[in-house]
Amino acid sequence: MLHTKDIKNLSELNSAFLDKHKRQEFFLSFIDVLKLGKLHSFFSSAKAKGISPLLLIHILIVFPLVDKKNPYSFTSDSFWADVCDYGKDAYYRLKNNTRINWRNFLFGVTKQMLKTLSEGDSSQESTTTPEVRAFIFDDTIIGKTSHKTEGVSRVWNHVIHKHILGYVLLLMGYYNGSVFVPLDFSFHREKGKKKTKLYGLKSKHYREQFRKKRDNNTAGYKRKKELDMSKIKAMVKMLKEAVKKGIDAQYVLTDSWFTCKETLFTAIANNLKYIGMYSKSKTKFTYRSKQYTYSQIRALNRKKVKRNRRFGLYYIRTVASLEGNPVVLYFTRKGKRGKWKTLISTDTSANFNNTLEVYQIRWSVEVFFKECKQSLGLGKCQSKNFDAQIADTTITLIQYQFLAIKKQINSYESLGAMIKDTKAECLEMKLHQRLIGLLLSTLEYLQEMLQDIDNDTVISRLLNSEKFFGQIMALLELERNQHKPVA
């Protein structure tokens, strides 16, 4: 058995072994690309017992890539516990810290990532036209299993058409022309219609919810207050903040729920073009010097229907005015008997094809939700502490950004395939550890038999021997084949 005193040497030897023979880059090399070290100031109040919060963040980011769901499962694994010698409480203290500004940290990571991607793009000559850049807003339900989780309520799930326990997650995403990245988010709860059931909960269950006192000037206190903020107000706040922080975009894209005067006018005020589905039946537009609803405007133009073969749609294009702001209303339907849908755009210079091309980018947020929930465990945090819910979600979004860089570089078809491949790299790292450990154990045994053997000299010669390396690689290939699933 390998002695404890040799474990650190083994780790160093393994690192040298991997570097010498140019093995595939492991996840930490990609995390370094994000230059997270420049963001240390966000955690100035969180450092405890000499442990760097950013180091803990590095480790938390790789959890899904090493098949670990939480700090407990990670620290319980003898291999990873040896590599990262911190107890689970260090991670939980970090997540529960109400003073950490996770929103600003996420913005900082995003700007670092976008800078990295732009530097990569600028190194290649491009003759194509500039790509569309857009802010995208959408929400999804984050289900929870315990009514004791701080701030949860009964929220309406439009997919299954019933109320479930959990939060509504409002997400602001950013599309930079080639990749979608999460930029900001907020949690919301629904108060409910029954006065006897506050937030849709029984009185007993509401009283049993976890509660935590927070100072008014902390980031955690401000995030907690957002629970009762309307999603429209939260969206407007996020949009203004993103523009203020210099995130470069041309469009704002939303579905019909978020399209209203307030969001549309906010986009215009910030020199952004707005495209969204529209369903506000009572709003009046100025059309032909009179006031009409969008359905009345469609009726006036019912004989001006055109067919678009590219998208397989029938459509009507009209230009109207909303409180002095010119807008384009597109009425579309699939087939001659399909149900009419309305798309509103402030980009009056674009034609139907161009408008739909831009609006289709909005679907990238749907892909994001699916991939994050399936592959990264979005919303699976079991902590009752609301601060931990915010921290866990932020880390998940950073994981997605980190993987987006790798996906961009290596041209993976899906996030799942990329995670699977990275897990294989982790497995290979463990195999290296085992084989080199076996080598050292054998040398220790030989040293006991042959007292004058020079351990360091033998190891150095072996690692610099291409013949020996070839034999090691043959062993690794055999080990990998043994771990392949049977078809």
Protein backbone atom coordinates (compact mmCIF):
# COMPACT_ATOMS: atom_id res chain seq x y z
CA MET A 1 0.00 0.00 0.00
CA LEU A 2 1.21 3.50 -0.83
CA HIS A 3 2.23 5.39 2.31
CA THR A 4 0.45 8.65 3.22
CA LYS A 5 3.70 10.60 2.97
CA ASP A 6 3.91 9.74 -0.73
CA ILE A 7 0.45 11.02 -1.73
CA LYS A 8 1.60 14.60 -2.35
CA ASN A 9 4.61 13.34 -4.30
CA LEU A 10 2.30 11.12 -6.32
CA SER A 11 0.09 14.10 -7.20
CA GLU A 12 3.12 16.11 -8.30
CA LEU A 13 4.48 13.17 -10.26
CA ASN A 14 1.11 12.67 -11.96
CA SER A 15 1.01 16.34 -12.98
CA ALA A 16 4.50 16.15 -14.49
CA PHE A 17 3.57 12.90 -16.22
CA LEU A 18 0.52 14.49 -17.86
CA ASP A 19 2.37 17.66 -18.89
CA LYS A 20 5.31 15.82 -20.42
CA HIS A 21 3.20 13.70 -22.72
CA LYS A 22 0.68 16.45 -23.55
CA ARG A 23 -2.43 14.67 -22.38
CA GLN A 24 -5.83 16.30 -23.09
CA GLU A 25 -6.38 19.54 -21.17
CA PHE A 26 -8.41 19.01 -18.04
CA PHE A 27 -11.21 21.23 -16.74
CA LEU A 28 -9.04 23.52 -14.63
CA SER A 29 -7.23 24.78 -17.73
CA PHE A 30 -10.57 25.97 -19.07
CA ILE A 31 -11.52 27.58 -15.77
CA ASP A 32 -8.24 29.48 -15.92
CA VAL A 33 -9.38 30.89 -19.27
CA LEU A 34 -12.15 32.72 -17.40
CA LYS A 35 -9.53 34.47 -15.23
CA LEU A 36 -11.70 34.20 -12.13
CA GLY A 37 -8.82 35.37 -9.99
CA LYS A 38 -9.50 38.94 -11.12
CA LEU A 39 -12.86 38.76 -9.35
CA HIS A 40 -11.54 38.04 -5.85
CA SER A 41 -12.90 41.33 -4.47
CA PHE A 42 -16.47 39.96 -4.52
CA PHE A 43 -15.50 37.53 -1.77
CA SER A 44 -13.55 39.83 0.54
CA SER A 45 -16.10 39.25 3.32
CA ALA A 46 -16.29 35.48 2.83
CA LYS A 47 -12.74 34.29 3.47
CA ALA A 48 -12.69 31.96 6.45
CA LYS A 49 -9.98 29.89 8.12
CA GLY A 50 -7.46 30.75 5.41
CA ILE A 51 -9.43 29.10 2.59
CA SER A 52 -9.74 31.09 -0.62
CA PRO A 53 -13.42 31.44 -1.67
CA LEU A 54 -12.34 31.50 -5.33
CA LEU A 55 -10.60 28.17 -4.86
CA LEU A 56 -13.84 26.73 -3.48
CA ILE A 57 -15.68 28.24 -6.48
CA HIS A 58 -13.23 26.49 -8.82
CA ILE A 59 -14.02 23.19 -7.15
CA LEU A 60 -17.80 23.77 -7.10
CA ILE A 61 -17.75 24.48 -10.84
CA VAL A 62 -16.39 21.02 -11.66
CA PHE A 63 -18.91 19.04 -9.59
CA PRO A 64 -21.09 17.87 -12.52
CA LEU A 65 -17.98 16.89 -14.47
CA VAL A 66 -16.84 14.50 -11.76
CA ASP A 67 -20.31 13.05 -11.06
CA LYS A 68 -20.78 14.89 -7.76
CA LYS A 69 -24.08 16.56 -6.89
CA ASN A 70 -23.11 18.39 -3.71
CA PRO A 71 -20.21 19.08 -1.30
CA TYR A 72 -21.09 16.03 0.83
CA SER A 73 -20.75 13.54 -2.05
CA PHE A 74 -17.56 15.29 -3.19
CA THR A 75 -15.82 15.33 0.19
CA SER A 76 -16.95 11.75 0.91
CA ASP A 77 -15.04 10.49 -2.14
CA SER A 78 -11.56 9.50 -0.94
CA PHE A 79 -9.95 10.38 -4.26
CA TRP A 80 -11.32 13.94 -4.47
CA ALA A 81 -11.02 14.46 -0.72
CA ASP A 82 -7.29 13.80 -1.15
CA VAL A 83 -6.99 16.17 -4.11
CA CYS A 84 -9.02 18.98 -2.45
CA ASP A 85 -8.59 18.63 1.28
CA TYR A 86 -11.50 20.80 2.55
CA GLY A 87 -14.47 19.68 4.58
CA LYS A 88 -18.04 20.10 3.32
CA ASP A 89 -18.71 22.90 5.82
CA ALA A 90 -16.32 25.20 3.94
CA TYR A 91 -18.54 24.97 0.86
CA TYR A 92 -21.78 25.38 2.80
CA ARG A 93 -20.46 28.45 4.64
CA LEU A 94 -19.61 30.03 1.30
CA LYS A 95 -23.07 29.36 -0.15
CA ASN A 96 -24.89 30.60 2.94
CA ASN A 97 -22.97 33.87 3.17
CA THR A 98 -25.51 36.67 2.76
CA ARG A 99 -22.86 39.33 2.06
CA ILE A 100 -21.57 37.86 -1.21
CA ASN A 101 -22.80 39.76 -4.27
CA TRP A 102 -23.39 36.78 -6.55
CA ARG A 103 -25.06 38.99 -9.19
CA ASN A 104 -21.98 41.15 -9.69
CA PHE A 105 -19.78 38.06 -9.64
CA LEU A 106 -21.84 36.49 -12.45
CA PHE A 107 -21.61 39.73 -14.44
CA GLY A 108 -17.85 39.73 -13.93
CA VAL A 109 -17.47 36.14 -15.10
CA THR A 110 -19.66 36.85 -18.12
CA LYS A 111 -17.60 39.85 -19.18
CA GLN A 112 -14.41 37.80 -18.83
CA MET A 113 -15.94 35.04 -20.94
CA LEU A 114 -17.19 37.40 -23.66
CA LYS A 115 -13.77 39.02 -23.78
CA THR A 116 -12.14 35.58 -24.17
CA LEU A 117 -14.52 34.64 -26.97
CA SER A 118 -14.05 37.98 -28.77
CA GLU A 119 -10.27 37.62 -28.59
CA GLY A 120 -10.64 34.21 -30.19
CA ASP A 121 -12.85 35.60 -32.94
CA SER A 122 -10.55 38.55 -33.64
CA SER A 123 -7.63 36.18 -34.21
CA GLN A 124 -9.45 34.78 -37.24
CA GLU A 125 -10.20 36.79 -40.36
CA SER A 126 -13.90 37.03 -41.05
CA THR A 127 -15.70 38.21 -44.18
CA THR A 128 -19.18 37.62 -42.86
CA THR A 129 -21.57 40.36 -41.80
CA PRO A 130 -21.69 41.31 -38.10
CA GLU A 131 -23.70 38.83 -36.00
CA VAL A 132 -26.90 39.69 -34.18
CA ARG A 133 -26.44 40.43 -30.46
CA ALA A 134 -29.48 40.26 -28.23
CA PHE A 135 -30.77 40.20 -24.68
CA ILE A 136 -33.25 37.37 -24.19
CA PHE A 137 -35.72 37.08 -21.30
CA ASP A 138 -37.72 34.04 -20.25
CA ASP A 139 -38.81 32.23 -17.10
CA THR A 140 -39.04 28.65 -15.91
CA ILE A 141 -40.34 26.82 -12.85
CA ILE A 142 -37.86 25.60 -10.25
CA GLY A 143 -39.67 22.91 -8.28
CA LYS A 144 -38.91 22.21 -4.62
CA THR A 145 -39.90 19.25 -2.46
CA SER A 146 -40.07 20.93 0.97
CA HIS A 147 -42.38 23.73 2.08
CA LYS A 148 -39.70 24.59 4.67
CA THR A 149 -37.41 25.99 1.96
CA GLU A 150 -37.15 29.74 2.48
CA GLY A 151 -39.40 31.80 0.21
CA VAL A 152 -41.10 29.02 -1.76
CA SER A 153 -44.75 29.28 -2.80
CA ARG A 154 -47.26 27.52 -4.98
CA VAL A 155 -46.52 28.65 -8.55
CA TRP A 156 -48.43 27.93 -11.72
CA ASN A 157 -46.74 25.54 -14.14
CA HIS A 158 -47.98 26.26 -17.68
CA VAL A 159 -46.55 22.98 -19.01
CA ILE A 160 -48.51 20.63 -16.75
CA HIS A 161 -51.31 23.17 -16.01
CA LYS A 162 -51.22 22.92 -12.23
CA HIS A 163 -49.69 24.65 -9.22
CA ILE A 164 -46.49 23.19 -7.80
CA LEU A 165 -44.21 24.08 -4.89
CA GLY A 166 -41.19 26.12 -5.87
CA TYR A 167 -39.93 29.36 -7.38
CA VAL A 168 -40.29 31.11 -10.71
CA LEU A 169 -36.82 31.71 -12.14
CA LEU A 170 -36.61 34.79 -14.38
CA LEU A 171 -33.51 34.63 -16.58
CA MET A 172 -31.78 37.27 -18.63
CA GLY A 173 -29.62 35.70 -21.31
CA TYR A 174 -27.26 37.21 -23.84
CA TYR A 175 -26.57 36.01 -27.37
CA ASN A 176 -23.30 37.39 -28.72
CA GLY A 177 -23.75 36.19 -32.31
CA SER A 178 -22.49 32.66 -31.78
CA VAL A 179 -23.22 31.48 -28.23
CA PHE A 180 -25.91 31.97 -25.58
CA VAL A 181 -24.76 32.85 -22.07
CA PRO A 182 -26.83 33.45 -18.89
CA LEU A 183 -26.32 37.00 -17.70
CA ASP A 184 -28.62 37.61 -14.72
CA PHE A 185 -31.56 36.04 -12.88
CA SER A 186 -34.04 36.50 -10.06
CA PHE A 187 -36.36 34.23 -8.08
CA HIS A 188 -40.05 35.06 -7.66
CA ARG A 189 -42.99 33.66 -5.73
CA GLU A 190 -46.73 33.98 -6.24
CA LYS A 191 -48.89 35.35 -3.44
CA GLY A 192 -51.95 33.28 -4.35
CA LYS A 193 -55.60 34.29 -4.61
CA LYS A 194 -56.88 32.86 -1.33
CA LYS A 195 -56.35 35.06 1.73
CA THR A 196 -56.42 31.99 3.98
CA LYS A 197 -53.48 30.47 2.07
CA LEU A 198 -50.65 33.00 1.88
CA TYR A 199 -48.42 32.13 -1.08
CA GLY A 200 -50.68 29.15 -1.69
CA LEU A 201 -49.49 27.43 1.50
CA LYS A 202 -51.34 26.22 4.54
CA SER A 203 -50.80 28.44 7.58
CA LYS A 204 -48.87 25.69 9.34
CA HIS A 205 -46.55 25.16 6.38
CA TYR A 206 -45.93 28.89 5.96
CA ARG A 207 -44.97 29.21 9.66
CA GLU A 208 -42.56 26.28 9.31
CA GLN A 209 -40.58 27.93 6.52
CA PHE A 210 -36.90 28.63 7.16
CA ARG A 211 -36.29 32.28 8.02
CA LYS A 212 -33.05 34.19 8.27
CA LYS A 213 -32.36 37.71 9.50
CA ARG A 214 -30.29 39.73 7.05
CA ASP A 215 -28.84 43.23 7.33
CA ASN A 216 -30.56 45.71 5.00
CA ASN A 217 -27.32 46.60 3.24
CA THR A 218 -26.38 43.04 2.25
CA ALA A 219 -26.70 41.53 -1.22
CA GLY A 220 -28.67 38.61 0.22
CA TYR A 221 -31.30 40.96 1.68
CA LYS A 222 -31.80 42.65 -1.71
CA ARG A 223 -32.12 39.31 -3.52
CA LYS A 224 -34.67 38.11 -0.97
CA LYS A 225 -36.79 41.23 -1.58
CA GLU A 226 -36.96 40.37 -5.28
CA LEU A 227 -39.17 37.39 -4.42
CA ASP A 228 -42.18 39.73 -4.22
CA MET A 229 -41.15 42.00 -7.11
CA SER A 230 -43.14 41.65 -10.35
CA LYS A 231 -41.28 39.90 -13.16
CA ILE A 232 -41.84 42.88 -15.44
CA LYS A 233 -40.23 45.24 -12.93
CA ALA A 234 -37.36 42.79 -12.40
CA MET A 235 -36.86 42.50 -16.17
CA VAL A 236 -36.69 46.28 -16.60
CA LYS A 237 -34.19 46.52 -13.75
CA MET A 238 -31.96 43.80 -15.25
CA LEU A 239 -32.08 45.36 -18.70
CA LYS A 240 -31.04 48.80 -17.45
CA GLU A 241 -28.23 47.29 -15.37
CA ALA A 242 -26.85 45.26 -18.28
CA VAL A 243 -26.76 48.33 -20.54
CA LYS A 244 -25.15 50.37 -17.75
CA LYS A 245 -22.42 47.74 -17.36
CA GLY A 246 -21.54 47.89 -21.04
CA ILE A 247 -22.98 44.65 -22.40
CA ASP A 248 -23.27 45.35 -26.13
CA ALA A 249 -26.59 44.32 -27.73
CA GLN A 250 -28.90 45.37 -30.55
CA TYR A 251 -32.16 43.61 -29.65
CA VAL A 252 -34.40 42.56 -26.78
CA LEU A 253 -36.31 39.34 -27.44
CA THR A 254 -39.21 38.02 -25.33
CA ASP A 255 -42.34 35.90 -25.51
CA SER A 256 -45.84 37.32 -25.17
CA TRP A 257 -45.88 37.29 -21.34
CA PHE A 258 -43.12 39.92 -21.09
CA THR A 259 -44.18 42.08 -24.04
CA CYS A 260 -45.87 45.23 -22.74
CA LYS A 261 -45.50 48.99 -22.88
CA GLU A 262 -43.07 49.12 -19.97
CA THR A 263 -40.57 46.62 -21.39
CA LEU A 264 -40.91 47.92 -24.95
CA PHE A 265 -40.37 51.55 -23.95
CA THR A 266 -37.40 50.60 -21.74
CA ALA A 267 -35.74 48.98 -24.75
CA ILE A 268 -36.36 52.07 -26.89
CA ALA A 269 -35.01 54.37 -24.15
CA ASN A 270 -31.78 52.33 -24.13
CA ASN A 271 -31.35 52.38 -27.94
CA LEU A 272 -32.37 48.74 -28.33
CA LYS A 273 -34.74 47.22 -30.85
CA TYR A 274 -37.55 45.13 -29.39
CA ILE A 275 -39.10 41.99 -30.92
CA GLY A 276 -41.68 39.95 -29.03
CA MET A 277 -44.90 38.03 -29.34
CA TYR A 278 -47.91 40.17 -28.42
CA SER A 279 -51.21 39.31 -26.74
CA LYS A 280 -52.39 42.42 -24.86
CA SER A 281 -55.90 42.60 -26.33
CA LYS A 282 -56.95 45.96 -24.82
CA THR A 283 -53.91 48.06 -25.78
CA LYS A 284 -54.73 50.70 -28.40
CA PHE A 285 -52.44 51.55 -31.32
CA THR A 286 -52.63 54.58 -33.56
CA TYR A 287 -53.37 53.34 -37.07
CA ARG A 288 -54.62 55.51 -39.92
CA SER A 289 -55.03 58.37 -37.43
CA LYS A 290 -57.43 56.34 -35.26
CA GLN A 291 -57.14 54.13 -32.17
CA TYR A 292 -57.42 50.37 -32.71
CA THR A 293 -56.50 47.16 -30.90
CA TYR A 294 -54.14 44.80 -32.70
CA SER A 295 -57.04 42.45 -33.59
CA GLN A 296 -58.96 45.35 -35.14
CA ILE A 297 -55.90 46.33 -37.19
CA ARG A 298 -55.63 42.75 -38.43
CA ALA A 299 -59.29 42.76 -39.46
CA LEU A 300 -58.77 45.96 -41.46
CA ASN A 301 -55.96 44.24 -43.39
CA ARG A 302 -57.50 40.78 -43.80
CA LYS A 303 -57.25 41.01 -47.61
CA LYS A 304 -53.52 41.81 -47.57
CA VAL A 305 -52.34 38.34 -46.58
CA LYS A 306 -49.05 37.18 -48.11
CA ARG A 307 -47.43 33.76 -48.13
CA ASN A 308 -43.85 33.22 -47.02
CA ARG A 309 -42.45 29.98 -48.42
CA ARG A 310 -39.23 30.10 -46.43
CA PHE A 311 -41.00 29.85 -43.07
CA GLY A 312 -44.18 28.23 -44.34
CA LEU A 313 -46.35 31.05 -42.94
CA TYR A 314 -49.12 33.35 -44.07
CA TYR A 315 -48.58 36.88 -42.79
CA ILE A 316 -49.77 40.47 -42.75
CA ARG A 317 -47.34 43.36 -42.19
CA THR A 318 -48.63 46.67 -40.84
CA VAL A 319 -46.96 49.76 -39.36
CA ALA A 320 -48.67 51.49 -36.45
CA SER A 321 -47.76 53.75 -33.54
CA LEU A 322 -47.78 53.05 -29.80
CA GLU A 323 -47.84 56.31 -27.82
CA GLY A 324 -45.78 58.04 -30.48
CA ASN A 325 -43.36 55.16 -31.07
CA PRO A 326 -43.52 53.52 -34.52
CA VAL A 327 -43.90 49.73 -34.38
CA VAL A 328 -44.40 46.94 -36.90
CA LEU A 329 -47.18 44.42 -36.27
CA TYR A 330 -46.79 41.06 -37.99
CA PHE A 331 -49.85 38.80 -37.98
CA THR A 332 -48.85 35.22 -38.80
CA ARG A 333 -50.49 31.84 -39.01
CA LYS A 334 -49.61 28.33 -40.11
CA GLY A 335 -51.89 27.34 -42.97
CA LYS A 336 -55.05 29.07 -44.13
CA ARG A 337 -57.01 27.93 -41.08
CA GLY A 338 -54.33 28.33 -38.47
CA LYS A 339 -54.69 30.55 -35.44
CA TRP A 340 -53.38 34.08 -35.88
CA LYS A 341 -50.38 35.09 -33.77
CA THR A 342 -49.03 38.61 -33.41
CA LEU A 343 -45.38 39.67 -33.42
CA ILE A 344 -44.43 43.25 -32.55
CA SER A 345 -41.15 44.88 -33.55
CA THR A 346 -39.66 48.34 -33.19
CA ASP A 347 -37.27 47.63 -36.07
CA THR A 348 -39.32 49.28 -38.83
CA SER A 349 -36.53 48.94 -41.42
CA ALA A 350 -36.45 45.12 -41.32
CA ASN A 351 -38.59 42.89 -43.53
CA PHE A 352 -40.54 39.80 -42.45
CA ASN A 353 -37.71 37.32 -43.09
CA ASN A 354 -35.12 39.35 -41.21
CA THR A 355 -37.44 39.88 -38.25
CA LEU A 356 -38.21 36.17 -37.91
CA GLU A 357 -34.54 35.26 -38.28
CA VAL A 358 -33.68 37.48 -35.33
CA TYR A 359 -36.66 36.36 -33.23
CA GLN A 360 -35.75 32.69 -33.67
CA ILE A 361 -32.63 33.37 -31.59
CA ARG A 362 -34.99 33.52 -28.60
CA TRP A 363 -35.30 29.73 -28.69
CA SER A 364 -31.71 29.44 -27.46
CA VAL A 365 -32.99 30.20 -23.94
CA GLU A 366 -35.32 27.19 -24.13
CA VAL A 367 -32.34 25.00 -25.05
CA PHE A 368 -30.43 26.53 -22.15
CA PHE A 369 -33.15 25.62 -19.62
CA LYS A 370 -33.34 22.06 -20.93
CA GLU A 371 -29.59 21.48 -20.89
CA CYS A 372 -29.07 23.07 -17.48
CA LYS A 373 -31.85 21.04 -15.86
CA GLN A 374 -30.82 17.75 -17.47
CA SER A 375 -27.04 18.01 -17.35
CA LEU A 376 -26.16 20.54 -14.63
CA GLY A 377 -28.92 20.01 -12.07
CA LEU A 378 -30.38 23.51 -12.25
CA GLY A 379 -32.74 23.99 -9.31
CA LYS A 380 -31.69 20.80 -7.49
CA CYS A 381 -30.23 22.61 -4.47
CA GLN A 382 -31.80 21.10 -1.31
CA SER A 383 -30.76 23.82 1.12
CA LYS A 384 -33.52 25.64 3.02
CA ASN A 385 -31.41 28.81 3.03
CA PHE A 386 -32.37 31.27 0.27
CA ASP A 387 -28.78 32.53 0.05
CA ALA A 388 -27.68 28.99 -0.82
CA GLN A 389 -30.37 28.81 -3.53
CA ILE A 390 -28.98 31.99 -5.12
CA ALA A 391 -25.38 30.78 -4.81
CA ASP A 392 -26.14 27.34 -6.26
CA THR A 393 -28.00 28.81 -9.24
CA THR A 394 -25.18 31.29 -9.90
CA ILE A 395 -22.62 28.47 -9.86
CA THR A 396 -24.77 26.46 -12.28
CA LEU A 397 -24.90 29.41 -14.69
CA ILE A 398 -21.11 29.78 -14.45
CA GLN A 399 -20.74 26.06 -15.12
CA TYR A 400 -22.78 26.56 -18.27
CA GLN A 401 -20.57 29.48 -19.32
CA PHE A 402 -17.42 27.46 -18.72
CA LEU A 403 -18.85 24.62 -20.82
CA ALA A 404 -19.98 27.09 -23.49
CA ILE A 405 -16.34 28.10 -23.98
CA LYS A 406 -15.28 24.48 -24.28
CA LYS A 407 -18.18 23.78 -26.62
CA GLN A 408 -17.15 26.72 -28.78
CA ILE A 409 -13.52 25.63 -28.89
CA ASN A 410 -14.07 21.91 -29.44
CA SER A 411 -17.27 22.12 -31.53
CA TYR A 412 -19.28 19.64 -29.49
CA GLU A 413 -22.79 18.93 -30.74
CA SER A 414 -24.40 18.96 -27.31
CA LEU A 415 -23.70 19.83 -23.70
CA GLY A 416 -24.38 16.24 -22.64
CA ALA A 417 -21.75 14.86 -25.03
CA MET A 418 -19.22 17.38 -23.76
CA ILE A 419 -19.85 16.52 -20.10
CA LYS A 420 -19.59 12.81 -20.92
CA ASP A 421 -16.24 13.38 -22.63
CA THR A 422 -14.93 15.50 -19.74
CA LYS A 423 -16.00 12.80 -17.27
CA ALA A 424 -13.96 10.35 -19.35
CA GLU A 425 -10.96 12.63 -18.88
CA CYS A 426 -11.58 12.51 -15.13
CA LEU A 427 -11.70 8.71 -15.23
CA GLU A 428 -8.47 8.66 -17.19
CA MET A 429 -6.86 10.91 -14.56
CA LYS A 430 -7.88 8.42 -11.87
CA LEU A 431 -6.40 5.57 -13.92
CA HIS A 432 -3.12 7.46 -14.18
CA GLN A 433 -3.14 7.87 -10.40
CA ARG A 434 -3.68 4.15 -9.89
CA LEU A 435 -1.01 3.05 -12.37
CA ILE A 436 1.60 5.47 -11.09
CA GLY A 437 0.68 4.53 -7.54
CA LEU A 438 1.26 0.89 -8.44
CA LEU A 439 4.63 1.84 -9.92
CA LEU A 440 5.70 3.68 -6.76
CA SER A 441 4.52 0.87 -4.52
CA THR A 442 6.54 -1.61 -6.58
CA LEU A 443 9.63 0.59 -6.37
CA GLU A 444 9.19 0.86 -2.59
CA TYR A 445 9.06 -2.92 -2.37
CA LEU A 446 12.17 -3.22 -4.55
CA GLN A 447 13.91 -0.65 -2.39
CA GLU A 448 13.33 -2.82 0.66
CA MET A 449 14.89 -5.76 -1.17
CA LEU A 450 17.72 -3.81 -2.80
CA GLN A 451 18.87 -1.25 -0.25
CA ASP A 452 21.11 0.69 -2.64
CA ILE A 453 18.44 1.47 -5.32
CA ASP A 454 17.99 5.18 -6.11
CA ASN A 455 14.22 5.70 -6.25
CA ASP A 456 14.29 9.16 -7.87
CA THR A 457 16.75 8.14 -10.56
CA VAL A 458 14.73 5.09 -11.58
CA ILE A 459 11.45 7.08 -11.70
CA SER A 460 13.08 9.84 -13.75
CA ARG A 461 14.43 7.35 -16.28
CA LEU A 462 11.12 5.54 -16.54
CA LEU A 463 9.12 8.72 -17.16
CA ASN A 464 11.56 9.82 -19.85
CA SER A 465 11.42 6.47 -21.59
CA GLU A 466 9.13 6.46 -24.64
CA LYS A 467 9.07 2.65 -24.51
CA PHE A 468 7.81 2.73 -20.92
CA PHE A 469 5.27 5.44 -21.80
CA GLY A 470 3.98 3.25 -24.65
CA GLN A 471 3.45 0.39 -22.23
CA ILE A 472 1.58 2.68 -19.82
CA MET A 473 -0.66 3.89 -22.65
CA ALA A 474 -1.38 0.29 -23.63
CA LEU A 475 -2.47 -0.40 -20.03
CA LEU A 476 -4.69 2.68 -20.07
CA GLU A 477 -6.31 1.61 -23.33
CA LEU A 478 -6.98 -1.83 -21.90
CA GLU A 479 -8.51 -0.25 -18.77
CA ARG A 480 -10.69 2.07 -20.84
CA ASN A 481 -11.99 -0.78 -22.95
CA GLN A 482 -12.95 -2.65 -19.79
CA HIS A 483 -15.04 0.34 -18.65
CA LYS A 484 -16.88 0.73 -21.97
CA PRO A 485 -20.58 -0.19 -21.76
CA VAL A 486 -21.63 -3.28 -23.66
CA ALA A 487 -23.70 -2.36 -26.74
